Amino acid sequence: AAGEPYGTARELLTSIK
């Protein structure tokens, strides 16, 4: 998500996982 375009929600999902 640091340099990802759509890694915003991705971080939240990975956090749950």
PDB file of N, CA and C in Angstrom:
ATOM      1  N   ALA A   1       0.843  -1.207   0.000  1.00  0.00           N
ATOM      2  CA  ALA A   1       0.000   0.000   0.000  1.00  0.00           C
ATOM      3  C   ALA A   1       0.869   1.245   0.000  1.00  0.00           C
ATOM      4  N   ALA A   2       2.125   1.068   0.348  1.00  0.00           N
ATOM      5  CA  ALA A   2       3.047   2.215   0.394  1.00  0.00           C
ATOM      6  C   ALA A   2       3.168   2.824  -1.004  1.00  0.00           C
ATOM      7  N   GLY A   3       3.413   1.984  -1.998  1.00  0.00           N
ATOM      8  CA  GLY A   3       3.544   2.498  -3.361  1.00  0.00           C
ATOM      9  C   GLY A   3       2.532   1.832  -4.274  1.00  0.00           C
ATOM     10  N   GLU A   4       1.501   1.228  -3.641  1.00  0.00           N
ATOM     11  CA  GLU A   4       0.471   0.563  -4.446  1.00  0.00           C
ATOM     12  C   GLU A   4      -0.680   1.527  -4.732  1.00  0.00           C
ATOM     13  N   PRO A   5      -1.254   1.454  -5.925  1.00  0.00           N
ATOM     14  CA  PRO A   5      -2.351   2.333  -6.317  1.00  0.00           C
ATOM     15  C   PRO A   5      -3.647   2.002  -5.583  1.00  0.00           C
ATOM     16  N   TYR A   6      -3.946   0.713  -5.480  1.00  0.00           N
ATOM     17  CA  TYR A   6      -5.201   0.310  -4.841  1.00  0.00           C
ATOM     18  C   TYR A   6      -4.900  -0.626  -3.672  1.00  0.00           C
ATOM     19  N   GLY A   7      -3.844  -0.304  -2.928  1.00  0.00           N
ATOM     20  CA  GLY A   7      -3.465  -1.156  -1.808  1.00  0.00           C
ATOM     21  C   GLY A   7      -4.040  -0.637  -0.500  1.00  0.00           C
ATOM     22  N   THR A   8      -5.071   0.184  -0.609  1.00  0.00           N
ATOM     23  CA  THR A   8      -5.677   0.747   0.605  1.00  0.00           C
ATOM     24  C   THR A   8      -6.527  -0.310   1.308  1.00  0.00           C
ATOM     25  N   ALA A   9      -7.571  -0.764   0.624  1.00  0.00           N
ATOM     26  CA  ALA A   9      -8.445  -1.795   1.196  1.00  0.00           C
ATOM     27  C   ALA A   9      -7.666  -3.095   1.307  1.00  0.00           C
ATOM     28  N   ARG A  10      -6.662  -3.280   0.430  1.00  0.00           N
ATOM     29  CA  ARG A  10      -5.852  -4.501   0.429  1.00  0.00           C
ATOM     30  C   ARG A  10      -5.179  -4.660   1.793  1.00  0.00           C
ATOM     31  N   GLU A  11      -4.695  -3.590   2.345  1.00  0.00           N
ATOM     32  CA  GLU A  11      -4.011  -3.659   3.653  1.00  0.00           C
ATOM     33  C   GLU A  11      -4.977  -4.096   4.742  1.00  0.00           C
ATOM     34  N   LEU A  12      -6.191  -3.595   4.683  1.00  0.00           N
ATOM     35  CA  LEU A  12      -7.189  -3.967   5.694  1.00  0.00           C
ATOM     36  C   LEU A  12      -7.502  -5.450   5.601  1.00  0.00           C
ATOM     37  N   LEU A  13      -7.642  -5.929   4.388  1.00  0.00           N
ATOM     38  CA  LEU A  13      -7.953  -7.350   4.188  1.00  0.00           C
ATOM     39  C   LEU A  13      -6.803  -8.214   4.672  1.00  0.00           C
ATOM     40  N   THR A  14      -5.603  -7.824   4.383  1.00  0.00           N
ATOM     41  CA  THR A  14      -4.429  -8.604   4.790  1.00  0.00           C
ATOM     42  C   THR A  14      -4.263  -8.554   6.303  1.00  0.00           C
ATOM     43  N   SER A  15      -4.707  -7.463   6.897  1.00  0.00           N
ATOM     44  CA  SER A  15      -4.595  -7.316   8.355  1.00  0.00           C
ATOM     45  C   SER A  15      -5.494  -8.337   9.045  1.00  0.00           C
ATOM     46  N   ILE A  16      -6.671  -8.555   8.463  1.00  0.00           N
ATOM     47  CA  ILE A  16      -7.623  -9.511   9.040  1.00  0.00           C
ATOM     48  C   ILE A  16      -7.077 -10.925   8.853  1.00  0.00           C
ATOM     49  N   LYS A  17      -6.452 -11.137   7.707  1.00  0.00           N
ATOM     50  CA  LYS A  17      -5.900 -12.459   7.425  1.00  0.00           C
ATOM     51  C   LYS A  17      -4.653 -12.626   8.267  1.00  0.00           C
TER      52      LYS A  17
END
